[in-house]
Amino acid sequence: MDLVLLRLSALGDILRVLPAWANLREAFPEARLRAVVEDRHAFLLEPLPWLEPVLVRRKRLSNPLVALAELKRVAGLIGDAEVSLDFHGILKAALIPRLAAVPERWGDGVTKEFAGSLQTRPLAFRHQTRYDQALGLAEAFGRSRGIPGLGRFRPVLERVELPDPGAIWAQASKPRLVLVPGASRRGAIKRWPLRHWVTLARLLKDRCDLRWSLGPEEEELRDWLPEATGVPALPRLGFWQLASALRQADQVVAPDTGLLHLAVVLGVPALGLYGSSDPVVAGLPAGAGQILRTGISCSPCRERACQRRQCLEELSPDQVAAAIVPSPRPHCD
């Protein structure tokens, strides 16, 4: 079987479909599995060598003058496929297998921009987590082939080989906690207030071995934040070295951002601090962690320009500290 899997973006969303893709691999070990992703996210497939990348050039896809030509180019790379599974549900993703004339085109139930009209086997829409959305598509396709059970969640990166991040942790007797104060520039509305993070660190540092995880968007905090809190930052690491460091932790505390979902697929208990994010759609699989939110009347929302951010301002450090009860896990570092 020649199976094409589509999820163009973004980082966190690709991480959330990996459990479904791993279940398909296990159910159809002889199948050729090709993953259509944007070139900027090709590195996310590196630990899974059974996935053959088919790369869409992001710059061309974003240019209306050449976007269709780029979709046609990618379609030409998958023209021999028998089945496509669309885990994205937007027009650009749905057009690729349609232009390639893939005979059996499945969709996961999310069909924005009339994408469902280009699919031959669209699922019914359900209000559920993106994890369950992806797993539901794998389950439905598996059942069509007489193989049930593809809808179960597993932390697919829990045991894959990852590069050594070096010496990270010092306190062997304390639970290890990674604090992630940042989010992407586009997702800045999701950031918990920095002063709350500082207070949380002070509340926890006597009972936990803490580390800040700071990305390029938080580079200006790399000196100041450890000095202000007495909590060291993880060194600058490549993505998969960072994943390896997170996998050594007992818990990861983060907003609804890529590193929260990286922790989930690594099998590390996650504590999500949510404001505007939908706790269902952006939720976590059962048993993978917990979401804290105020649940004020105006959340969830999609207002990226909100100036009040009351939904996060009112989530206090004391509430978060009370929810953190990490249990030390076996570590191989």
C-alpha atoms as a PDB file:
ATOM      1  CA  MET A   1       0.000   0.000   0.000  1.00  0.00           C
ATOM      2  CA  ASP A   2       1.160   3.507  -0.849  1.00  0.00           C
ATOM      3  CA  LEU A   3      -0.253   5.916   1.720  1.00  0.00           C
ATOM      4  CA  VAL A   4       0.155   9.716   1.763  1.00  0.00           C
ATOM      5  CA  LEU A   5      -0.294  11.634   5.033  1.00  0.00           C
ATOM      6  CA  LEU A   6      -0.836  15.403   4.894  1.00  0.00           C
ATOM      7  CA  ARG A   7      -0.277  18.022   7.618  1.00  0.00           C
ATOM      8  CA  LEU A   8       1.291  21.219   6.314  1.00  0.00           C
ATOM      9  CA  SER A   9       1.736  23.159   9.581  1.00  0.00           C
ATOM     10  CA  ALA A  10       2.321  24.139  12.333  1.00  0.00           C
ATOM     11  CA  LEU A  11       4.964  22.646  14.627  1.00  0.00           C
ATOM     12  CA  GLY A  12       2.593  21.754  17.474  1.00  0.00           C
ATOM     13  CA  ASP A  13      -0.031  20.445  15.082  1.00  0.00           C
ATOM     14  CA  ILE A  14       2.437  18.123  13.366  1.00  0.00           C
ATOM     15  CA  LEU A  15       3.520  16.770  16.755  1.00  0.00           C
ATOM     16  CA  ARG A  16      -0.126  16.050  17.553  1.00  0.00           C
ATOM     17  CA  VAL A  17      -0.615  13.843  14.492  1.00  0.00           C
ATOM     18  CA  LEU A  18       2.507  11.729  15.072  1.00  0.00           C
ATOM     19  CA  PRO A  19       0.719   9.237  17.375  1.00  0.00           C
ATOM     20  CA  ALA A  20      -1.837   8.569  14.634  1.00  0.00           C
ATOM     21  CA  TRP A  21       0.912   8.180  12.044  1.00  0.00           C
ATOM     22  CA  ALA A  22       2.774   5.749  14.308  1.00  0.00           C
ATOM     23  CA  ASN A  23      -0.379   3.665  14.702  1.00  0.00           C
ATOM     24  CA  LEU A  24      -0.728   3.483  10.917  1.00  0.00           C
ATOM     25  CA  ARG A  25       2.891   2.326  10.657  1.00  0.00           C
ATOM     26  CA  GLU A  26       2.279  -0.428  13.200  1.00  0.00           C
ATOM     27  CA  ALA A  27      -0.932  -1.559  11.496  1.00  0.00           C
ATOM     28  CA  PHE A  28       0.531  -1.494   7.973  1.00  0.00           C
ATOM     29  CA  PRO A  29       4.242  -2.276   8.395  1.00  0.00           C
ATOM     30  CA  GLU A  30       4.760  -3.036   4.705  1.00  0.00           C
ATOM     31  CA  ALA A  31       3.094   0.164   3.492  1.00  0.00           C
ATOM     32  CA  ARG A  32       4.987   3.067   2.015  1.00  0.00           C
ATOM     33  CA  LEU A  33       4.162   6.081   4.195  1.00  0.00           C
ATOM     34  CA  ARG A  34       4.856   9.524   2.756  1.00  0.00           C
ATOM     35  CA  ALA A  35       4.358  12.631   4.908  1.00  0.00           C
ATOM     36  CA  VAL A  36       3.572  15.896   3.138  1.00  0.00           C
ATOM     37  CA  VAL A  37       4.827  18.727   5.363  1.00  0.00           C
ATOM     38  CA  GLU A  38       6.281  22.184   4.835  1.00  0.00           C
ATOM     39  CA  ASP A  39      10.045  22.315   4.378  1.00  0.00           C
ATOM     40  CA  ARG A  40      10.482  24.364   7.570  1.00  0.00           C
ATOM     41  CA  HIS A  41       9.153  21.399   9.589  1.00  0.00           C
ATOM     42  CA  ALA A  42      10.985  18.565   7.848  1.00  0.00           C
ATOM     43  CA  PHE A  43      13.192  18.126  10.938  1.00  0.00           C
ATOM     44  CA  LEU A  44      10.161  16.895  12.905  1.00  0.00           C
ATOM     45  CA  LEU A  45      10.241  13.645  10.925  1.00  0.00           C
ATOM     46  CA  GLU A  46      13.905  12.882  11.650  1.00  0.00           C
ATOM     47  CA  PRO A  47      13.364  10.434  14.563  1.00  0.00           C
ATOM     48  CA  LEU A  48      10.834   8.460  12.480  1.00  0.00           C
ATOM     49  CA  PRO A  49      12.787   7.038   9.527  1.00  0.00           C
ATOM     50  CA  TRP A  50       9.795   5.052   8.302  1.00  0.00           C
ATOM     51  CA  LEU A  51       8.167   8.331   7.231  1.00  0.00           C
ATOM     52  CA  GLU A  52       9.282   9.501   3.791  1.00  0.00           C
ATOM     53  CA  PRO A  53       9.162  13.324   3.664  1.00  0.00           C
ATOM     54  CA  VAL A  54       7.499  15.102   0.754  1.00  0.00           C
ATOM     55  CA  LEU A  55       8.318  18.762   1.243  1.00  0.00           C
ATOM     56  CA  VAL A  56       6.186  21.750   0.321  1.00  0.00           C
ATOM     57  CA  ARG A  57       8.230  24.933  -0.061  1.00  0.00           C
ATOM     58  CA  ARG A  58       6.727  27.361   2.431  1.00  0.00           C
ATOM     59  CA  LYS A  59       7.844  30.548   0.650  1.00  0.00           C
ATOM     60  CA  ARG A  60       6.236  29.486  -2.610  1.00  0.00           C
ATOM     61  CA  LEU A  61       3.091  28.244  -0.865  1.00  0.00           C
ATOM     62  CA  SER A  62       2.672  31.664   0.761  1.00  0.00           C
ATOM     63  CA  ASN A  63       2.995  33.508  -2.573  1.00  0.00           C
ATOM     64  CA  PRO A  64      -0.389  33.660  -4.385  1.00  0.00           C
ATOM     65  CA  LEU A  65       1.378  33.992  -7.733  1.00  0.00           C
ATOM     66  CA  VAL A  66       3.132  30.620  -7.481  1.00  0.00           C
ATOM     67  CA  ALA A  67       1.172  28.703  -4.816  1.00  0.00           C
ATOM     68  CA  LEU A  68      -0.833  26.644  -7.321  1.00  0.00           C
ATOM     69  CA  ALA A  69       2.312  25.731  -9.234  1.00  0.00           C
ATOM     70  CA  GLU A  70       3.896  24.587  -5.983  1.00  0.00           C
ATOM     71  CA  LEU A  71       0.863  22.425  -5.154  1.00  0.00           C
ATOM     72  CA  LYS A  72       1.005  20.890  -8.623  1.00  0.00           C
ATOM     73  CA  ARG A  73       4.720  20.158  -8.175  1.00  0.00           C
ATOM     74  CA  VAL A  74       4.073  18.342  -4.900  1.00  0.00           C
ATOM     75  CA  ALA A  75       1.105  16.511  -6.444  1.00  0.00           C
ATOM     76  CA  GLY A  76       3.452  15.210  -9.104  1.00  0.00           C
ATOM     77  CA  LEU A  77       5.589  13.634  -6.374  1.00  0.00           C
ATOM     78  CA  ILE A  78       2.689  11.559  -5.011  1.00  0.00           C
ATOM     79  CA  GLY A  79       0.890  10.726  -8.239  1.00  0.00           C
ATOM     80  CA  ASP A  80       1.344   6.985  -7.725  1.00  0.00           C
ATOM     81  CA  ALA A  81      -0.272   6.909  -4.273  1.00  0.00           C
ATOM     82  CA  GLU A  82      -3.349   4.763  -3.641  1.00  0.00           C
ATOM     83  CA  VAL A  83      -4.709   6.561  -0.577  1.00  0.00           C
ATOM     84  CA  SER A  84      -4.319   9.961   1.068  1.00  0.00           C
ATOM     85  CA  LEU A  85      -5.205  10.887   4.637  1.00  0.00           C
ATOM     86  CA  ASP A  86      -5.642  14.643   5.144  1.00  0.00           C
ATOM     87  CA  PHE A  87      -4.905  15.603   8.772  1.00  0.00           C
ATOM     88  CA  HIS A  88      -5.165  19.333   8.038  1.00  0.00           C
ATOM     89  CA  GLY A  89      -8.490  20.032   6.371  1.00  0.00           C
ATOM     90  CA  ILE A  90      -7.687  23.244   4.514  1.00  0.00           C
ATOM     91  CA  LEU A  91      -7.935  23.858   0.788  1.00  0.00           C
ATOM     92  CA  LYS A  92      -4.179  23.822   0.122  1.00  0.00           C
ATOM     93  CA  ALA A  93      -3.749  20.428   1.772  1.00  0.00           C
ATOM     94  CA  ALA A  94      -6.825  18.913   0.109  1.00  0.00           C
ATOM     95  CA  LEU A  95      -5.796  20.157  -3.332  1.00  0.00           C
ATOM     96  CA  ILE A  96      -2.550  18.163  -3.373  1.00  0.00           C
ATOM     97  CA  PRO A  97      -4.052  14.641  -3.516  1.00  0.00           C
ATOM     98  CA  ARG A  98      -6.881  15.904  -5.733  1.00  0.00           C
ATOM     99  CA  LEU A  99      -4.395  17.301  -8.256  1.00  0.00           C
ATOM    100  CA  ALA A 100      -2.484  14.026  -8.006  1.00  0.00           C
ATOM    101  CA  ALA A 101      -5.688  12.105  -8.774  1.00  0.00           C
ATOM    102  CA  VAL A 102      -5.224   9.901  -5.699  1.00  0.00           C
ATOM    103  CA  PRO A 103      -8.271   7.617  -5.976  1.00  0.00           C
ATOM    104  CA  GLU A 104      -9.097   7.336  -2.246  1.00  0.00           C
ATOM    105  CA  ARG A 105      -8.904  10.656  -0.374  1.00  0.00           C
ATOM    106  CA  TRP A 106      -9.788  10.665   3.333  1.00  0.00           C
ATOM    107  CA  GLY A 107     -10.354  13.701   5.572  1.00  0.00           C
ATOM    108  CA  ASP A 108     -10.407  13.972   9.358  1.00  0.00           C
ATOM    109  CA  GLY A 109     -13.662  15.938   9.636  1.00  0.00           C
ATOM    110  CA  VAL A 110     -12.191  19.439   9.647  1.00  0.00           C
ATOM    111  CA  THR A 111     -12.963  20.905   6.245  1.00  0.00           C
ATOM    112  CA  LYS A 112     -12.212  24.617   6.059  1.00  0.00           C
ATOM    113  CA  GLU A 113     -12.411  26.490   2.748  1.00  0.00           C
ATOM    114  CA  PHE A 114     -14.586  23.693   1.263  1.00  0.00           C
ATOM    115  CA  ALA A 115     -11.713  21.220   1.510  1.00  0.00           C
ATOM    116  CA  GLY A 116     -14.183  18.401   2.171  1.00  0.00           C
ATOM    117  CA  SER A 117     -15.590  18.730  -1.339  1.00  0.00           C
ATOM    118  CA  LEU A 118     -12.220  17.486  -2.665  1.00  0.00           C
ATOM    119  CA  GLN A 119     -12.190  14.380  -0.446  1.00  0.00           C
ATOM    120  CA  THR A 120     -13.846  11.087  -1.333  1.00  0.00           C
ATOM    121  CA  ARG A 121     -14.046   9.836   2.279  1.00  0.00           C
ATOM    122  CA  PRO A 122     -14.505  12.831   4.617  1.00  0.00           C
ATOM    123  CA  LEU A 123     -15.357  12.025   8.208  1.00  0.00           C
ATOM    124  CA  ALA A 124     -18.109  13.834  10.088  1.00  0.00           C
ATOM    125  CA  PHE A 125     -16.932  16.825  12.149  1.00  0.00           C
ATOM    126  CA  ARG A 126     -16.571  16.333  15.900  1.00  0.00           C
ATOM    127  CA  HIS A 127     -15.604  18.877  18.568  1.00  0.00           C
ATOM    128  CA  GLN A 128     -12.616  17.072  20.052  1.00  0.00           C
ATOM    129  CA  THR A 129      -8.907  17.435  20.679  1.00  0.00           C
ATOM    130  CA  ARG A 130      -6.589  17.559  17.705  1.00  0.00           C
ATOM    131  CA  TYR A 131      -5.018  14.358  19.028  1.00  0.00           C
ATOM    132  CA  ASP A 132      -8.374  12.577  18.942  1.00  0.00           C
ATOM    133  CA  GLN A 133      -9.189  14.142  15.585  1.00  0.00           C
ATOM    134  CA  ALA A 134      -6.052  12.612  14.054  1.00  0.00           C
ATOM    135  CA  LEU A 135      -6.449   9.300  15.862  1.00  0.00           C
ATOM    136  CA  GLY A 136     -10.080   9.135  14.739  1.00  0.00           C
ATOM    137  CA  LEU A 137      -8.998   9.350  11.117  1.00  0.00           C
ATOM    138  CA  ALA A 138      -6.436   6.579  11.626  1.00  0.00           C
ATOM    139  CA  GLU A 139      -9.107   4.482  13.377  1.00  0.00           C
ATOM    140  CA  ALA A 140     -11.655   4.976  10.592  1.00  0.00           C
ATOM    141  CA  PHE A 141      -9.147   4.125   7.887  1.00  0.00           C
ATOM    142  CA  GLY A 142      -7.919   1.070   9.798  1.00  0.00           C
ATOM    143  CA  ARG A 143     -11.456  -0.235  10.232  1.00  0.00           C
ATOM    144  CA  SER A 144     -12.052   0.161   6.499  1.00  0.00           C
ATOM    145  CA  ARG A 145      -9.222  -2.368   6.096  1.00  0.00           C
ATOM    146  CA  GLY A 146     -10.450  -4.647   8.876  1.00  0.00           C
ATOM    147  CA  ILE A 147      -7.889  -3.404  11.445  1.00  0.00           C
ATOM    148  CA  PRO A 148      -9.459  -1.694  14.483  1.00  0.00           C
ATOM    149  CA  GLY A 149      -7.572  -0.144  17.396  1.00  0.00           C
ATOM    150  CA  LEU A 150      -5.722   2.654  15.601  1.00  0.00           C
ATOM    151  CA  GLY A 151      -7.429   5.329  17.692  1.00  0.00           C
ATOM    152  CA  ARG A 152      -5.431   4.792  20.875  1.00  0.00           C
ATOM    153  CA  PHE A 153      -2.976   7.433  22.016  1.00  0.00           C
ATOM    154  CA  ARG A 154       0.655   6.510  22.682  1.00  0.00           C
ATOM    155  CA  PRO A 155       3.595   8.843  23.406  1.00  0.00           C
ATOM    156  CA  VAL A 156       5.281   7.979  20.148  1.00  0.00           C
ATOM    157  CA  LEU A 157       8.623   9.633  20.994  1.00  0.00           C
ATOM    158  CA  GLU A 158       8.963   8.129  24.449  1.00  0.00           C
ATOM    159  CA  ARG A 159      11.637   5.626  23.425  1.00  0.00           C
ATOM    160  CA  VAL A 160      13.019   6.802  20.092  1.00  0.00           C
ATOM    161  CA  GLU A 161      16.729   7.533  19.933  1.00  0.00           C
ATOM    162  CA  LEU A 162      17.521  11.216  20.470  1.00  0.00           C
ATOM    163  CA  PRO A 163      20.834  13.119  20.617  1.00  0.00           C
ATOM    164  CA  ASP A 164      22.515  13.587  23.996  1.00  0.00           C
ATOM    165  CA  PRO A 165      21.821  17.067  25.445  1.00  0.00           C
ATOM    166  CA  GLY A 166      24.763  16.860  27.832  1.00  0.00           C
ATOM    167  CA  ALA A 167      24.617  17.250  31.609  1.00  0.00           C
ATOM    168  CA  ILE A 168      21.396  19.060  32.501  1.00  0.00           C
ATOM    169  CA  TRP A 169      20.193  18.070  35.950  1.00  0.00           C
ATOM    170  CA  ALA A 170      22.018  18.364  39.265  1.00  0.00           C
ATOM    171  CA  GLN A 171      19.548  17.443  42.027  1.00  0.00           C
ATOM    172  CA  ALA A 172      19.001  13.688  41.809  1.00  0.00           C
ATOM    173  CA  SER A 173      16.717  13.685  44.866  1.00  0.00           C
ATOM    174  CA  LYS A 174      14.242  16.346  43.692  1.00  0.00           C
ATOM    175  CA  PRO A 175      11.549  16.140  41.003  1.00  0.00           C
ATOM    176  CA  ARG A 176      12.722  17.715  37.755  1.00  0.00           C
ATOM    177  CA  LEU A 177      10.578  20.497  36.319  1.00  0.00           C
ATOM    178  CA  VAL A 178      10.948  22.436  33.072  1.00  0.00           C
ATOM    179  CA  LEU A 179       9.262  25.847  32.943  1.00  0.00           C
ATOM    180  CA  VAL A 180       8.442  27.232  29.481  1.00  0.00           C
ATOM    181  CA  PRO A 181       7.521  30.929  29.714  1.00  0.00           C
ATOM    182  CA  GLY A 182       7.531  31.650  25.996  1.00  0.00           C
ATOM    183  CA  ALA A 183       5.448  31.134  22.898  1.00  0.00           C
ATOM    184  CA  SER A 184       5.910  32.020  19.261  1.00  0.00           C
ATOM    185  CA  ARG A 185       5.529  35.624  18.186  1.00  0.00           C
ATOM    186  CA  ARG A 186       2.254  34.741  16.469  1.00  0.00           C
ATOM    187  CA  GLY A 187       1.077  32.977  19.619  1.00  0.00           C
ATOM    188  CA  ALA A 188       2.169  35.718  22.033  1.00  0.00           C
ATOM    189  CA  ILE A 189      -1.399  36.018  23.322  1.00  0.00           C
ATOM    190  CA  LYS A 190      -0.912  32.593  24.931  1.00  0.00           C
ATOM    191  CA  ARG A 191       1.938  33.683  27.216  1.00  0.00           C
ATOM    192  CA  TRP A 192       1.331  33.604  30.958  1.00  0.00           C
ATOM    193  CA  PRO A 193       2.570  36.908  32.512  1.00  0.00           C
ATOM    194  CA  LEU A 194       6.297  36.889  33.159  1.00  0.00           C
ATOM    195  CA  ARG A 195       5.877  38.159  36.712  1.00  0.00           C
ATOM    196  CA  HIS A 196       3.729  35.087  37.429  1.00  0.00           C
ATOM    197  CA  TRP A 197       6.522  32.835  36.161  1.00  0.00           C
ATOM    198  CA  VAL A 198       9.015  34.574  38.451  1.00  0.00           C
ATOM    199  CA  THR A 199       6.721  34.076  41.447  1.00  0.00           C
ATOM    200  CA  LEU A 200       6.082  30.441  40.509  1.00  0.00           C
ATOM    201  CA  ALA A 201       9.816  29.734  40.332  1.00  0.00           C
ATOM    202  CA  ARG A 202      10.293  31.180  43.812  1.00  0.00           C
ATOM    203  CA  LEU A 203       7.438  29.038  45.153  1.00  0.00           C
ATOM    204  CA  LEU A 204       8.851  25.825  43.682  1.00  0.00           C
ATOM    205  CA  LYS A 205      12.628  26.015  43.725  1.00  0.00           C
ATOM    206  CA  ASP A 206      13.041  24.563  47.231  1.00  0.00           C
ATOM    207  CA  ARG A 207      11.099  21.397  46.406  1.00  0.00           C
ATOM    208  CA  CYS A 208      11.900  20.915  42.713  1.00  0.00           C
ATOM    209  CA  ASP A 209      14.964  20.963  40.472  1.00  0.00           C
ATOM    210  CA  LEU A 210      13.889  23.665  38.015  1.00  0.00           C
ATOM    211  CA  ARG A 211      15.099  24.679  34.573  1.00  0.00           C
ATOM    212  CA  TRP A 212      13.889  27.445  32.269  1.00  0.00           C
ATOM    213  CA  SER A 213      13.417  26.532  28.621  1.00  0.00           C
ATOM    214  CA  LEU A 214      14.049  29.690  26.593  1.00  0.00           C
ATOM    215  CA  GLY A 215      13.779  29.839  22.829  1.00  0.00           C
ATOM    216  CA  PRO A 216      14.854  32.470  20.304  1.00  0.00           C
ATOM    217  CA  GLU A 217      11.861  34.654  21.207  1.00  0.00           C
ATOM    218  CA  GLU A 218      13.079  34.803  24.840  1.00  0.00           C
ATOM    219  CA  GLU A 219      16.757  35.400  24.161  1.00  0.00           C
ATOM    220  CA  GLU A 220      16.671  38.712  26.030  1.00  0.00           C
ATOM    221  CA  LEU A 221      15.625  36.776  29.167  1.00  0.00           C
ATOM    222  CA  ARG A 222      18.520  34.311  29.077  1.00  0.00           C
ATOM    223  CA  ASP A 223      20.681  36.323  31.506  1.00  0.00           C
ATOM    224  CA  TRP A 224      18.042  38.233  33.424  1.00  0.00           C
ATOM    225  CA  LEU A 225      15.568  35.469  34.289  1.00  0.00           C
ATOM    226  CA  PRO A 226      18.053  33.030  35.912  1.00  0.00           C
ATOM    227  CA  GLU A 227      19.587  35.917  37.861  1.00  0.00           C
ATOM    228  CA  ALA A 228      16.180  37.133  39.061  1.00  0.00           C
ATOM    229  CA  THR A 229      14.964  33.690  40.153  1.00  0.00           C
ATOM    230  CA  GLY A 230      18.052  31.631  40.939  1.00  0.00           C
ATOM    231  CA  VAL A 231      16.829  29.041  38.424  1.00  0.00           C
ATOM    232  CA  PRO A 232      19.218  28.134  35.592  1.00  0.00           C
ATOM    233  CA  ALA A 233      18.157  28.000  31.969  1.00  0.00           C
ATOM    234  CA  LEU A 234      18.676  25.032  29.719  1.00  0.00           C
ATOM    235  CA  PRO A 235      21.587  25.701  27.372  1.00  0.00           C
ATOM    236  CA  ARG A 236      20.966  26.602  23.757  1.00  0.00           C
ATOM    237  CA  LEU A 237      20.156  23.243  22.199  1.00  0.00           C
ATOM    238  CA  GLY A 238      19.056  21.915  18.868  1.00  0.00           C
ATOM    239  CA  PHE A 239      15.409  20.860  18.758  1.00  0.00           C
ATOM    240  CA  TRP A 240      16.012  17.148  19.301  1.00  0.00           C
ATOM    241  CA  GLN A 241      18.626  17.772  21.986  1.00  0.00           C
ATOM    242  CA  LEU A 242      16.016  19.895  23.731  1.00  0.00           C
ATOM    243  CA  ALA A 243      13.518  17.063  23.351  1.00  0.00           C
ATOM    244  CA  SER A 244      16.022  14.723  24.965  1.00  0.00           C
ATOM    245  CA  ALA A 245      16.441  17.159  27.881  1.00  0.00           C
ATOM    246  CA  LEU A 246      12.664  17.444  28.300  1.00  0.00           C
ATOM    247  CA  ARG A 247      12.349  13.671  28.302  1.00  0.00           C
ATOM    248  CA  GLN A 248      14.571  13.574  31.396  1.00  0.00           C
ATOM    249  CA  ALA A 249      12.115  15.810  33.289  1.00  0.00           C
ATOM    250  CA  ASP A 250       9.293  14.727  35.571  1.00  0.00           C
ATOM    251  CA  GLN A 251       6.943  17.472  34.375  1.00  0.00           C
ATOM    252  CA  VAL A 252       6.809  20.306  31.837  1.00  0.00           C
ATOM    253  CA  VAL A 253       4.824  23.475  32.581  1.00  0.00           C
ATOM    254  CA  ALA A 254       3.987  25.548  29.504  1.00  0.00           C
ATOM    255  CA  PRO A 255       1.306  27.548  27.700  1.00  0.00           C
ATOM    256  CA  ASP A 256      -0.483  26.062  24.699  1.00  0.00           C
ATOM    257  CA  THR A 257       2.612  25.970  22.540  1.00  0.00           C
ATOM    258  CA  GLY A 258       4.784  23.496  20.661  1.00  0.00           C
ATOM    259  CA  LEU A 259       6.893  22.454  23.653  1.00  0.00           C
ATOM    260  CA  LEU A 260       3.806  21.503  25.648  1.00  0.00           C
ATOM    261  CA  HIS A 261       2.797  19.092  22.905  1.00  0.00           C
ATOM    262  CA  LEU A 262       6.374  17.927  22.471  1.00  0.00           C
ATOM    263  CA  ALA A 263       6.275  16.893  26.141  1.00  0.00           C
ATOM    264  CA  VAL A 264       3.052  14.961  25.494  1.00  0.00           C
ATOM    265  CA  VAL A 265       4.472  12.886  22.634  1.00  0.00           C
ATOM    266  CA  LEU A 266       7.680  12.358  24.651  1.00  0.00           C
ATOM    267  CA  GLY A 267       5.607  10.833  27.451  1.00  0.00           C
ATOM    268  CA  VAL A 268       6.429  13.577  29.985  1.00  0.00           C
ATOM    269  CA  PRO A 269       3.498  14.726  32.180  1.00  0.00           C
ATOM    270  CA  ALA A 270       2.408  18.169  30.995  1.00  0.00           C
ATOM    271  CA  LEU A 271       0.734  21.060  32.788  1.00  0.00           C
ATOM    272  CA  GLY A 272      -0.805  23.490  30.325  1.00  0.00           C
ATOM    273  CA  LEU A 273      -1.567  27.082  31.313  1.00  0.00           C
ATOM    274  CA  TYR A 274      -4.425  28.113  29.008  1.00  0.00           C
ATOM    275  CA  GLY A 275      -6.051  31.468  28.448  1.00  0.00           C
ATOM    276  CA  SER A 276      -7.596  32.054  25.032  1.00  0.00           C
ATOM    277  CA  SER A 277      -6.971  28.486  23.816  1.00  0.00           C
ATOM    278  CA  ASP A 278      -9.925  26.144  23.466  1.00  0.00           C
ATOM    279  CA  PRO A 279      -9.417  23.517  26.207  1.00  0.00           C
ATOM    280  CA  VAL A 280     -11.149  20.918  24.033  1.00  0.00           C
ATOM    281  CA  VAL A 281      -9.630  21.459  20.585  1.00  0.00           C
ATOM    282  CA  ALA A 282      -6.210  22.342  22.031  1.00  0.00           C
ATOM    283  CA  GLY A 283      -6.592  19.826  24.838  1.00  0.00           C
ATOM    284  CA  LEU A 284      -4.384  16.931  25.903  1.00  0.00           C
ATOM    285  CA  PRO A 285      -4.945  13.187  25.555  1.00  0.00           C
ATOM    286  CA  ALA A 286      -6.363  11.382  28.573  1.00  0.00           C
ATOM    287  CA  GLY A 287      -3.610  10.653  31.074  1.00  0.00           C
ATOM    288  CA  ALA A 288      -1.035  12.922  29.398  1.00  0.00           C
ATOM    289  CA  GLY A 289      -1.367  15.853  31.763  1.00  0.00           C
ATOM    290  CA  GLN A 290      -3.615  18.612  33.014  1.00  0.00           C
ATOM    291  CA  ILE A 291      -4.856  21.996  31.809  1.00  0.00           C
ATOM    292  CA  LEU A 292      -5.295  24.967  34.150  1.00  0.00           C
ATOM    293  CA  ARG A 293      -7.454  27.916  33.110  1.00  0.00           C
ATOM    294  CA  THR A 294      -9.678  30.550  34.689  1.00  0.00           C
ATOM    295  CA  GLY A 295     -12.592  29.848  32.346  1.00  0.00           C
ATOM    296  CA  ILE A 296     -13.768  33.467  32.323  1.00  0.00           C
ATOM    297  CA  SER A 297     -16.740  34.214  30.098  1.00  0.00           C
ATOM    298  CA  CYS A 298     -14.775  35.593  27.126  1.00  0.00           C
ATOM    299  CA  SER A 299     -12.494  32.558  26.782  1.00  0.00           C
ATOM    300  CA  PRO A 300     -11.767  30.647  24.691  1.00  0.00           C
ATOM    301  CA  CYS A 301     -11.419  33.208  21.922  1.00  0.00           C
ATOM    302  CA  ARG A 302      -9.381  33.957  18.814  1.00  0.00           C
ATOM    303  CA  GLU A 303      -8.718  37.634  19.549  1.00  0.00           C
ATOM    304  CA  ARG A 304      -4.943  37.882  19.100  1.00  0.00           C
ATOM    305  CA  ALA A 305      -4.944  41.635  19.746  1.00  0.00           C
ATOM    306  CA  CYS A 306      -6.558  41.438  23.200  1.00  0.00           C
ATOM    307  CA  GLN A 307      -4.877  43.884  25.578  1.00  0.00           C
ATOM    308  CA  ARG A 308      -6.438  42.716  28.866  1.00  0.00           C
ATOM    309  CA  ARG A 309      -5.420  39.042  28.829  1.00  0.00           C
ATOM    310  CA  GLN A 310      -7.565  38.653  31.932  1.00  0.00           C
ATOM    311  CA  CYS A 311      -7.903  34.950  31.211  1.00  0.00           C
ATOM    312  CA  LEU A 312      -4.186  34.527  32.023  1.00  0.00           C
ATOM    313  CA  GLU A 313      -3.689  37.416  34.442  1.00  0.00           C
ATOM    314  CA  GLU A 314      -6.179  35.848  36.860  1.00  0.00           C
ATOM    315  CA  LEU A 315      -4.503  32.432  36.794  1.00  0.00           C
ATOM    316  CA  SER A 316      -2.371  32.869  39.902  1.00  0.00           C
ATOM    317  CA  PRO A 317       1.057  31.357  40.649  1.00  0.00           C
ATOM    318  CA  ASP A 318      -0.400  29.833  43.829  1.00  0.00           C
ATOM    319  CA  GLN A 319      -2.986  27.945  41.755  1.00  0.00           C
ATOM    320  CA  VAL A 320      -0.313  26.653  39.427  1.00  0.00           C
ATOM    321  CA  ALA A 321       2.052  25.682  42.246  1.00  0.00           C
ATOM    322  CA  ALA A 322      -0.754  23.751  43.950  1.00  0.00           C
ATOM    323  CA  ALA A 323      -1.326  21.734  40.765  1.00  0.00           C
ATOM    324  CA  ILE A 324       2.314  20.695  40.463  1.00  0.00           C
ATOM    325  CA  VAL A 325       2.843  17.337  42.112  1.00  0.00           C
ATOM    326  CA  PRO A 326       5.489  15.706  39.904  1.00  0.00           C
ATOM    327  CA  SER A 327       6.422  12.148  40.759  1.00  0.00           C
ATOM    328  CA  PRO A 328      10.007  11.190  39.937  1.00  0.00           C
ATOM    329  CA  ARG A 329      10.115   8.872  36.922  1.00  0.00           C
ATOM    330  CA  PRO A 330      12.840   6.391  35.963  1.00  0.00           C
ATOM    331  CA  HIS A 331      15.583   8.200  34.040  1.00  0.00           C
ATOM    332  CA  CYS A 332      18.368   6.809  31.902  1.00  0.00           C
ATOM    333  CA  ASP A 333      20.565   9.928  31.889  1.00  0.00           C
END
